[in-house]
Amino acid sequence: MAKRIRHSKVSFIGIKATEKISQFNLTAADITTSHSAPVVLIAAPGVNKAVFPTKALVQFKYGSVQFTGGGAGQLVYHGATTNLLTGTILAATVQAAANARISLGAAAAGLALALNTGIDFYAATADFAAGDSTAIVTVWYTEYELS
């Protein structure tokens, strides 16, 4: 379940922008299938609105069984595979038998905003196997209302 916190709201000519922070709990099942069934972190915002992440913090909580396989974790628009932030979460980090805290940097340059499209947690290349660790994902993002 997401905890949403409104940070600030700003209006420009024809554009309203709201800065938000949301936090999500990923289960082991969410992590395991994050390639074939990406996990929705931020729902589609509605008509003429776009969301764009500015940074994220992922906290892995190691359980007792390591994950195997998988691919680099990243934030993507729903139905897409292009990373929206600089940096990824290495599969080796997810597979490790240790807690980890990973920061994903600034928004990737040159990406088009997708209207009425949510943001997912996605593992590139493959699903993970086994594993019982969980994660907390905190995302800082802007929701734009375009005219």
N, C-alpha and C. Protein backbone atom coordinates (compact mmCIF):
# COMPACT_ATOMS: atom_id res chain seq x y z
N MET A 1 0.83 -1.17 0.00
CA MET A 1 0.00 0.00 0.00
C MET A 1 0.88 1.24 0.00
N ALA A 2 0.50 2.21 -0.79
CA ALA A 2 1.29 3.43 -0.92
C ALA A 2 0.88 4.45 0.12
N LYS A 3 1.87 5.16 0.61
CA LYS A 3 1.64 6.31 1.47
C LYS A 3 1.94 7.52 0.62
N ARG A 4 0.98 8.39 0.39
CA ARG A 4 1.21 9.55 -0.46
C ARG A 4 1.28 10.81 0.40
N ILE A 5 2.26 11.61 0.09
CA ILE A 5 2.46 12.85 0.82
C ILE A 5 2.60 13.97 -0.21
N ARG A 6 1.72 14.96 -0.17
CA ARG A 6 1.85 16.10 -1.07
C ARG A 6 2.95 16.99 -0.53
N HIS A 7 3.86 17.35 -1.38
CA HIS A 7 5.00 18.15 -0.96
C HIS A 7 4.76 19.63 -1.27
N SER A 8 4.47 19.97 -2.51
CA SER A 8 4.21 21.36 -2.87
C SER A 8 3.47 21.41 -4.19
N LYS A 9 2.83 22.54 -4.43
CA LYS A 9 2.05 22.70 -5.66
C LYS A 9 2.41 24.04 -6.28
N VAL A 10 2.59 24.02 -7.61
CA VAL A 10 3.00 25.21 -8.33
C VAL A 10 2.21 25.29 -9.62
N SER A 11 1.87 26.48 -10.07
CA SER A 11 1.18 26.65 -11.34
C SER A 11 1.98 27.58 -12.24
N PHE A 12 2.06 27.23 -13.51
CA PHE A 12 2.68 28.06 -14.53
C PHE A 12 1.60 28.34 -15.56
N ILE A 13 1.91 29.07 -16.58
CA ILE A 13 0.93 29.34 -17.63
C ILE A 13 0.57 28.02 -18.31
N GLY A 14 -0.65 27.57 -18.08
CA GLY A 14 -1.15 26.35 -18.71
C GLY A 14 -0.68 25.04 -18.10
N ILE A 15 0.16 25.08 -17.06
CA ILE A 15 0.67 23.85 -16.45
C ILE A 15 0.56 23.96 -14.94
N LYS A 16 0.03 22.93 -14.33
CA LYS A 16 0.03 22.82 -12.87
C LYS A 16 0.96 21.66 -12.52
N ALA A 17 1.82 21.87 -11.56
CA ALA A 17 2.77 20.83 -11.16
C ALA A 17 2.67 20.61 -9.66
N THR A 18 2.52 19.36 -9.27
CA THR A 18 2.46 19.00 -7.87
C THR A 18 3.59 18.03 -7.57
N GLU A 19 4.43 18.40 -6.62
CA GLU A 19 5.52 17.53 -6.18
C GLU A 19 4.96 16.55 -5.16
N LYS A 20 5.27 15.26 -5.33
CA LYS A 20 4.75 14.23 -4.43
C LYS A 20 5.84 13.25 -4.03
N ILE A 21 5.62 12.61 -2.90
CA ILE A 21 6.48 11.52 -2.45
C ILE A 21 5.55 10.36 -2.11
N SER A 22 5.85 9.19 -2.65
CA SER A 22 5.04 8.00 -2.34
C SER A 22 5.97 6.87 -1.94
N GLN A 23 5.47 6.03 -1.03
CA GLN A 23 6.26 4.89 -0.56
C GLN A 23 5.45 3.61 -0.76
N PHE A 24 6.13 2.55 -1.22
CA PHE A 24 5.48 1.30 -1.57
C PHE A 24 6.22 0.13 -0.97
N ASN A 25 5.48 -0.87 -0.52
CA ASN A 25 6.07 -2.11 -0.01
C ASN A 25 5.98 -3.17 -1.09
N LEU A 26 7.13 -3.75 -1.46
CA LEU A 26 7.16 -4.84 -2.43
C LEU A 26 7.33 -6.15 -1.68
N THR A 27 6.47 -7.10 -1.98
CA THR A 27 6.57 -8.43 -1.40
C THR A 27 7.58 -9.25 -2.19
N ALA A 28 7.93 -10.41 -1.68
CA ALA A 28 8.81 -11.32 -2.41
C ALA A 28 8.17 -11.71 -3.74
N ALA A 29 6.86 -11.92 -3.76
CA ALA A 29 6.17 -12.27 -5.00
C ALA A 29 6.24 -11.13 -6.00
N ASP A 30 6.11 -9.88 -5.54
CA ASP A 30 6.25 -8.71 -6.43
C ASP A 30 7.63 -8.69 -7.08
N ILE A 31 8.66 -8.92 -6.28
CA ILE A 31 10.03 -8.88 -6.78
C ILE A 31 10.27 -10.03 -7.75
N THR A 32 9.80 -11.21 -7.40
CA THR A 32 10.02 -12.40 -8.24
C THR A 32 9.47 -12.21 -9.65
N THR A 33 8.30 -11.64 -9.79
CA THR A 33 7.65 -11.52 -11.10
C THR A 33 7.76 -10.12 -11.71
N SER A 34 8.70 -9.32 -11.26
CA SER A 34 8.77 -7.92 -11.69
C SER A 34 9.18 -7.72 -13.16
N HIS A 35 9.56 -8.78 -13.84
CA HIS A 35 9.80 -8.68 -15.28
C HIS A 35 8.52 -9.00 -16.05
N SER A 36 7.92 -10.15 -15.78
CA SER A 36 6.71 -10.57 -16.51
C SER A 36 5.47 -9.82 -16.06
N ALA A 37 5.44 -9.33 -14.82
CA ALA A 37 4.30 -8.58 -14.29
C ALA A 37 4.85 -7.40 -13.48
N PRO A 38 5.31 -6.33 -14.17
CA PRO A 38 5.85 -5.18 -13.45
C PRO A 38 4.88 -4.68 -12.37
N VAL A 39 5.44 -4.19 -11.28
CA VAL A 39 4.64 -3.76 -10.13
C VAL A 39 4.25 -2.29 -10.29
N VAL A 40 2.95 -2.02 -10.27
CA VAL A 40 2.47 -0.63 -10.38
C VAL A 40 2.83 0.12 -9.10
N LEU A 41 3.63 1.17 -9.25
CA LEU A 41 3.97 2.01 -8.11
C LEU A 41 3.10 3.26 -8.08
N ILE A 42 2.92 3.87 -9.21
CA ILE A 42 2.11 5.09 -9.31
C ILE A 42 1.07 4.86 -10.38
N ALA A 43 -0.19 4.99 -10.01
CA ALA A 43 -1.30 4.76 -10.94
C ALA A 43 -1.36 5.87 -12.00
N ALA A 44 -1.99 5.56 -13.12
CA ALA A 44 -2.20 6.56 -14.16
C ALA A 44 -2.93 7.75 -13.54
N PRO A 45 -2.46 8.98 -13.77
CA PRO A 45 -3.00 10.14 -13.07
C PRO A 45 -4.29 10.71 -13.64
N GLY A 46 -4.66 10.35 -14.86
CA GLY A 46 -5.89 10.87 -15.44
C GLY A 46 -5.62 11.65 -16.72
N VAL A 47 -6.69 12.06 -17.37
CA VAL A 47 -6.63 12.75 -18.65
C VAL A 47 -5.83 14.05 -18.52
N ASN A 48 -4.98 14.31 -19.51
CA ASN A 48 -4.14 15.51 -19.58
C ASN A 48 -3.20 15.66 -18.39
N LYS A 49 -2.87 14.55 -17.75
CA LYS A 49 -1.92 14.58 -16.65
C LYS A 49 -0.78 13.61 -16.96
N ALA A 50 0.39 13.95 -16.44
CA ALA A 50 1.57 13.09 -16.62
C ALA A 50 2.33 13.06 -15.30
N VAL A 51 2.92 11.92 -14.99
CA VAL A 51 3.78 11.80 -13.81
C VAL A 51 5.20 11.54 -14.29
N PHE A 52 6.17 12.08 -13.55
CA PHE A 52 7.56 11.88 -13.91
C PHE A 52 8.39 11.81 -12.64
N PRO A 53 9.09 10.69 -12.42
CA PRO A 53 9.89 10.55 -11.20
C PRO A 53 11.15 11.41 -11.28
N THR A 54 11.57 11.92 -10.13
CA THR A 54 12.80 12.71 -10.09
C THR A 54 13.91 11.97 -9.35
N LYS A 55 13.55 11.05 -8.46
CA LYS A 55 14.53 10.19 -7.78
C LYS A 55 13.78 9.11 -7.02
N ALA A 56 14.52 8.10 -6.59
CA ALA A 56 13.91 7.00 -5.83
C ALA A 56 14.94 6.41 -4.88
N LEU A 57 14.44 5.82 -3.81
CA LEU A 57 15.27 5.10 -2.85
C LEU A 57 14.64 3.72 -2.68
N VAL A 58 15.43 2.67 -2.87
CA VAL A 58 14.94 1.30 -2.72
C VAL A 58 15.70 0.65 -1.57
N GLN A 59 14.94 0.17 -0.58
CA GLN A 59 15.52 -0.48 0.60
C GLN A 59 15.16 -1.96 0.56
N PHE A 60 16.15 -2.80 0.30
CA PHE A 60 15.92 -4.24 0.30
C PHE A 60 16.08 -4.77 1.72
N LYS A 61 15.15 -5.62 2.13
CA LYS A 61 15.17 -6.26 3.44
C LYS A 61 15.36 -7.76 3.21
N TYR A 62 16.58 -8.23 3.45
CA TYR A 62 16.87 -9.64 3.21
C TYR A 62 16.06 -10.53 4.15
N GLY A 63 15.48 -11.59 3.58
CA GLY A 63 14.73 -12.58 4.37
C GLY A 63 15.66 -13.69 4.81
N SER A 64 15.46 -14.89 4.27
CA SER A 64 16.33 -16.02 4.61
C SER A 64 16.75 -16.84 3.39
N VAL A 65 16.13 -16.55 2.23
CA VAL A 65 16.45 -17.28 1.00
C VAL A 65 16.80 -16.26 -0.08
N GLN A 66 17.97 -16.44 -0.71
CA GLN A 66 18.41 -15.52 -1.75
C GLN A 66 17.63 -15.70 -3.04
N PHE A 67 17.40 -14.59 -3.76
CA PHE A 67 16.84 -14.64 -5.10
C PHE A 67 17.91 -15.14 -6.06
N THR A 68 17.49 -15.71 -7.17
CA THR A 68 18.40 -16.08 -8.26
C THR A 68 17.83 -15.49 -9.54
N GLY A 69 18.65 -15.44 -10.58
CA GLY A 69 18.20 -14.93 -11.87
C GLY A 69 17.86 -13.46 -11.81
N GLY A 70 16.89 -13.06 -12.63
CA GLY A 70 16.41 -11.68 -12.61
C GLY A 70 17.20 -10.74 -13.49
N GLY A 71 16.84 -9.48 -13.40
CA GLY A 71 17.49 -8.44 -14.18
C GLY A 71 17.53 -7.15 -13.40
N ALA A 72 18.19 -6.16 -13.93
CA ALA A 72 18.33 -4.87 -13.26
C ALA A 72 16.96 -4.25 -13.00
N GLY A 73 16.75 -3.75 -11.79
CA GLY A 73 15.50 -3.10 -11.42
C GLY A 73 15.51 -1.64 -11.82
N GLN A 74 14.37 -1.16 -12.31
CA GLN A 74 14.26 0.23 -12.73
C GLN A 74 12.82 0.69 -12.70
N LEU A 75 12.62 2.00 -12.78
CA LEU A 75 11.28 2.57 -12.87
C LEU A 75 11.00 2.90 -14.33
N VAL A 76 9.83 2.44 -14.82
CA VAL A 76 9.45 2.62 -16.22
C VAL A 76 7.99 3.05 -16.29
N TYR A 77 7.61 3.66 -17.42
CA TYR A 77 6.19 3.92 -17.64
C TYR A 77 5.50 2.58 -17.85
N HIS A 78 4.24 2.47 -17.40
CA HIS A 78 3.46 1.25 -17.54
C HIS A 78 3.44 0.81 -19.00
N GLY A 79 3.80 -0.44 -19.24
CA GLY A 79 3.80 -1.00 -20.59
C GLY A 79 5.07 -0.72 -21.38
N ALA A 80 6.03 -0.01 -20.78
CA ALA A 80 7.28 0.32 -21.47
C ALA A 80 8.46 -0.32 -20.74
N THR A 81 9.65 -0.18 -21.31
CA THR A 81 10.84 -0.76 -20.70
C THR A 81 11.99 0.24 -20.57
N THR A 82 11.77 1.50 -20.91
CA THR A 82 12.81 2.51 -20.83
C THR A 82 12.92 3.05 -19.41
N ASN A 83 14.12 2.98 -18.85
CA ASN A 83 14.38 3.45 -17.49
C ASN A 83 14.14 4.96 -17.42
N LEU A 84 13.37 5.41 -16.43
CA LEU A 84 13.05 6.83 -16.28
C LEU A 84 14.06 7.58 -15.42
N LEU A 85 14.91 6.87 -14.70
CA LEU A 85 15.89 7.51 -13.82
C LEU A 85 17.29 7.06 -14.18
N THR A 86 18.28 7.86 -13.80
CA THR A 86 19.66 7.43 -14.03
C THR A 86 20.01 6.36 -13.01
N GLY A 87 20.68 5.33 -13.45
CA GLY A 87 21.05 4.22 -12.59
C GLY A 87 19.98 3.15 -12.52
N THR A 88 20.40 1.96 -12.13
CA THR A 88 19.49 0.83 -11.95
C THR A 88 19.87 0.10 -10.66
N ILE A 89 19.03 -0.83 -10.28
CA ILE A 89 19.33 -1.70 -9.14
C ILE A 89 19.88 -2.99 -9.74
N LEU A 90 21.14 -3.25 -9.53
CA LEU A 90 21.76 -4.43 -10.12
C LEU A 90 21.09 -5.71 -9.62
N ALA A 91 20.94 -6.68 -10.51
CA ALA A 91 20.37 -7.97 -10.12
C ALA A 91 21.17 -8.58 -8.98
N ALA A 92 22.49 -8.39 -8.99
CA ALA A 92 23.35 -8.93 -7.92
C ALA A 92 22.98 -8.35 -6.56
N THR A 93 22.50 -7.11 -6.54
CA THR A 93 22.07 -6.49 -5.28
C THR A 93 20.82 -7.19 -4.76
N VAL A 94 19.88 -7.46 -5.65
CA VAL A 94 18.64 -8.15 -5.27
C VAL A 94 18.95 -9.58 -4.83
N GLN A 95 19.92 -10.22 -5.45
CA GLN A 95 20.28 -11.60 -5.16
C GLN A 95 21.11 -11.76 -3.88
N ALA A 96 21.65 -10.69 -3.38
CA ALA A 96 22.58 -10.77 -2.24
C ALA A 96 21.89 -11.21 -0.95
N ALA A 97 22.66 -11.81 -0.07
CA ALA A 97 22.16 -12.24 1.25
C ALA A 97 22.43 -11.13 2.27
N ALA A 98 21.95 -9.92 1.95
CA ALA A 98 22.19 -8.78 2.83
C ALA A 98 21.17 -7.69 2.53
N ASN A 99 20.91 -6.85 3.53
CA ASN A 99 20.09 -5.67 3.31
C ASN A 99 20.85 -4.71 2.41
N ALA A 100 20.12 -3.88 1.66
CA ALA A 100 20.78 -2.90 0.79
C ALA A 100 19.88 -1.68 0.64
N ARG A 101 20.50 -0.54 0.47
CA ARG A 101 19.79 0.70 0.19
C ARG A 101 20.37 1.28 -1.08
N ILE A 102 19.54 1.44 -2.11
CA ILE A 102 19.99 1.89 -3.42
C ILE A 102 19.26 3.18 -3.79
N SER A 103 20.05 4.17 -4.18
CA SER A 103 19.50 5.44 -4.64
C SER A 103 19.50 5.47 -6.15
N LEU A 104 18.37 5.81 -6.74
CA LEU A 104 18.30 6.02 -8.18
C LEU A 104 18.27 7.52 -8.40
N GLY A 105 19.15 8.00 -9.28
CA GLY A 105 19.39 9.43 -9.42
C GLY A 105 18.36 10.20 -10.20
N ALA A 106 18.80 11.32 -10.69
CA ALA A 106 17.95 12.28 -11.38
C ALA A 106 17.23 11.66 -12.56
N ALA A 107 16.17 12.33 -12.97
CA ALA A 107 15.41 11.87 -14.12
C ALA A 107 16.30 11.79 -15.36
N ALA A 108 16.11 10.76 -16.13
CA ALA A 108 16.87 10.60 -17.37
C ALA A 108 16.50 11.72 -18.34
N ALA A 109 17.48 12.26 -19.03
CA ALA A 109 17.26 13.38 -19.94
C ALA A 109 16.65 12.93 -21.26
N GLY A 110 15.83 13.79 -21.85
CA GLY A 110 15.32 13.57 -23.18
C GLY A 110 14.15 12.61 -23.31
N LEU A 111 13.56 12.19 -22.20
CA LEU A 111 12.42 11.27 -22.28
C LEU A 111 11.11 12.05 -22.41
N ALA A 112 10.23 11.57 -23.26
CA ALA A 112 8.93 12.21 -23.44
C ALA A 112 8.01 11.85 -22.28
N LEU A 113 7.24 12.82 -21.81
CA LEU A 113 6.24 12.54 -20.78
C LEU A 113 5.11 11.74 -21.42
N ALA A 114 4.65 10.72 -20.74
CA ALA A 114 3.54 9.90 -21.22
C ALA A 114 2.27 10.33 -20.49
N LEU A 115 1.28 10.80 -21.24
CA LEU A 115 0.03 11.24 -20.62
C LEU A 115 -0.77 10.07 -20.08
N ASN A 116 -1.38 10.28 -18.94
CA ASN A 116 -2.26 9.31 -18.29
C ASN A 116 -1.65 7.90 -18.24
N THR A 117 -0.38 7.85 -17.83
CA THR A 117 0.34 6.58 -17.75
C THR A 117 1.04 6.49 -16.41
N GLY A 118 0.87 5.37 -15.72
CA GLY A 118 1.48 5.17 -14.42
C GLY A 118 2.93 4.74 -14.52
N ILE A 119 3.55 4.56 -13.37
CA ILE A 119 4.95 4.15 -13.29
C ILE A 119 5.05 2.81 -12.57
N ASP A 120 5.86 1.91 -13.14
CA ASP A 120 6.02 0.57 -12.60
C ASP A 120 7.46 0.32 -12.14
N PHE A 121 7.62 -0.65 -11.23
CA PHE A 121 8.93 -1.21 -10.91
C PHE A 121 9.09 -2.41 -11.82
N TYR A 122 10.19 -2.46 -12.57
CA TYR A 122 10.39 -3.45 -13.63
C TYR A 122 11.79 -4.04 -13.55
N ALA A 123 11.89 -5.35 -13.68
CA ALA A 123 13.20 -6.02 -13.76
C ALA A 123 13.49 -6.31 -15.22
N ALA A 124 14.51 -5.68 -15.75
CA ALA A 124 14.88 -5.89 -17.15
C ALA A 124 15.38 -7.32 -17.36
N THR A 125 15.16 -7.86 -18.46
CA THR A 125 15.64 -9.15 -18.99
C THR A 125 14.98 -10.40 -18.46
N ALA A 126 14.67 -10.52 -17.17
CA ALA A 126 14.10 -11.79 -16.67
C ALA A 126 13.50 -11.63 -15.29
N ASP A 127 12.61 -12.55 -14.95
CA ASP A 127 12.07 -12.64 -13.58
C ASP A 127 13.13 -13.21 -12.65
N PHE A 128 12.97 -12.95 -11.38
CA PHE A 128 13.81 -13.58 -10.36
C PHE A 128 13.19 -14.92 -10.00
N ALA A 129 13.95 -15.77 -9.34
CA ALA A 129 13.43 -17.06 -8.87
C ALA A 129 13.73 -17.19 -7.39
N ALA A 130 12.98 -18.05 -6.75
CA ALA A 130 13.13 -18.31 -5.31
C ALA A 130 13.10 -16.99 -4.55
N GLY A 131 13.79 -16.89 -3.45
CA GLY A 131 13.92 -15.66 -2.69
C GLY A 131 12.70 -15.30 -1.86
N ASP A 132 12.96 -14.72 -0.68
CA ASP A 132 11.86 -14.30 0.18
C ASP A 132 12.08 -12.89 0.76
N SER A 133 12.98 -12.12 0.16
CA SER A 133 13.23 -10.77 0.62
C SER A 133 12.10 -9.84 0.20
N THR A 134 12.03 -8.68 0.83
CA THR A 134 11.04 -7.66 0.50
C THR A 134 11.78 -6.34 0.25
N ALA A 135 11.03 -5.33 -0.15
CA ALA A 135 11.65 -4.03 -0.40
C ALA A 135 10.65 -2.91 -0.10
N ILE A 136 11.19 -1.77 0.24
CA ILE A 136 10.41 -0.53 0.37
C ILE A 136 10.94 0.42 -0.69
N VAL A 137 10.05 0.92 -1.54
CA VAL A 137 10.44 1.83 -2.61
C VAL A 137 9.82 3.19 -2.32
N THR A 138 10.66 4.21 -2.21
CA THR A 138 10.19 5.58 -2.03
C THR A 138 10.48 6.34 -3.32
N VAL A 139 9.45 6.98 -3.88
CA VAL A 139 9.60 7.68 -5.15
C VAL A 139 9.21 9.14 -4.97
N TRP A 140 10.12 10.02 -5.40
CA TRP A 140 9.83 11.45 -5.47
C TRP A 140 9.45 11.72 -6.92
N TYR A 141 8.31 12.38 -7.14
CA TYR A 141 7.88 12.60 -8.51
C TYR A 141 7.04 13.86 -8.63
N THR A 142 6.88 14.32 -9.86
CA THR A 142 6.05 15.48 -10.17
C THR A 142 4.87 15.00 -10.98
N GLU A 143 3.69 15.48 -10.60
CA GLU A 143 2.49 15.22 -11.40
C GLU A 143 2.14 16.52 -12.11
N TYR A 144 2.15 16.46 -13.45
CA TYR A 144 1.85 17.64 -14.27
C TYR A 144 0.42 17.56 -14.78
N GLU A 145 -0.30 18.68 -14.68
CA GLU A 145 -1.62 18.80 -15.30
C GLU A 145 -1.45 19.76 -16.46
N LEU A 146 -1.59 19.24 -17.66
CA LEU A 146 -1.34 20.02 -18.87
C LEU A 146 -2.64 20.51 -19.48
N SER A 147 -2.59 21.67 -20.08
CA SER A 147 -3.84 22.21 -20.68
C SER A 147 -3.91 21.87 -22.14
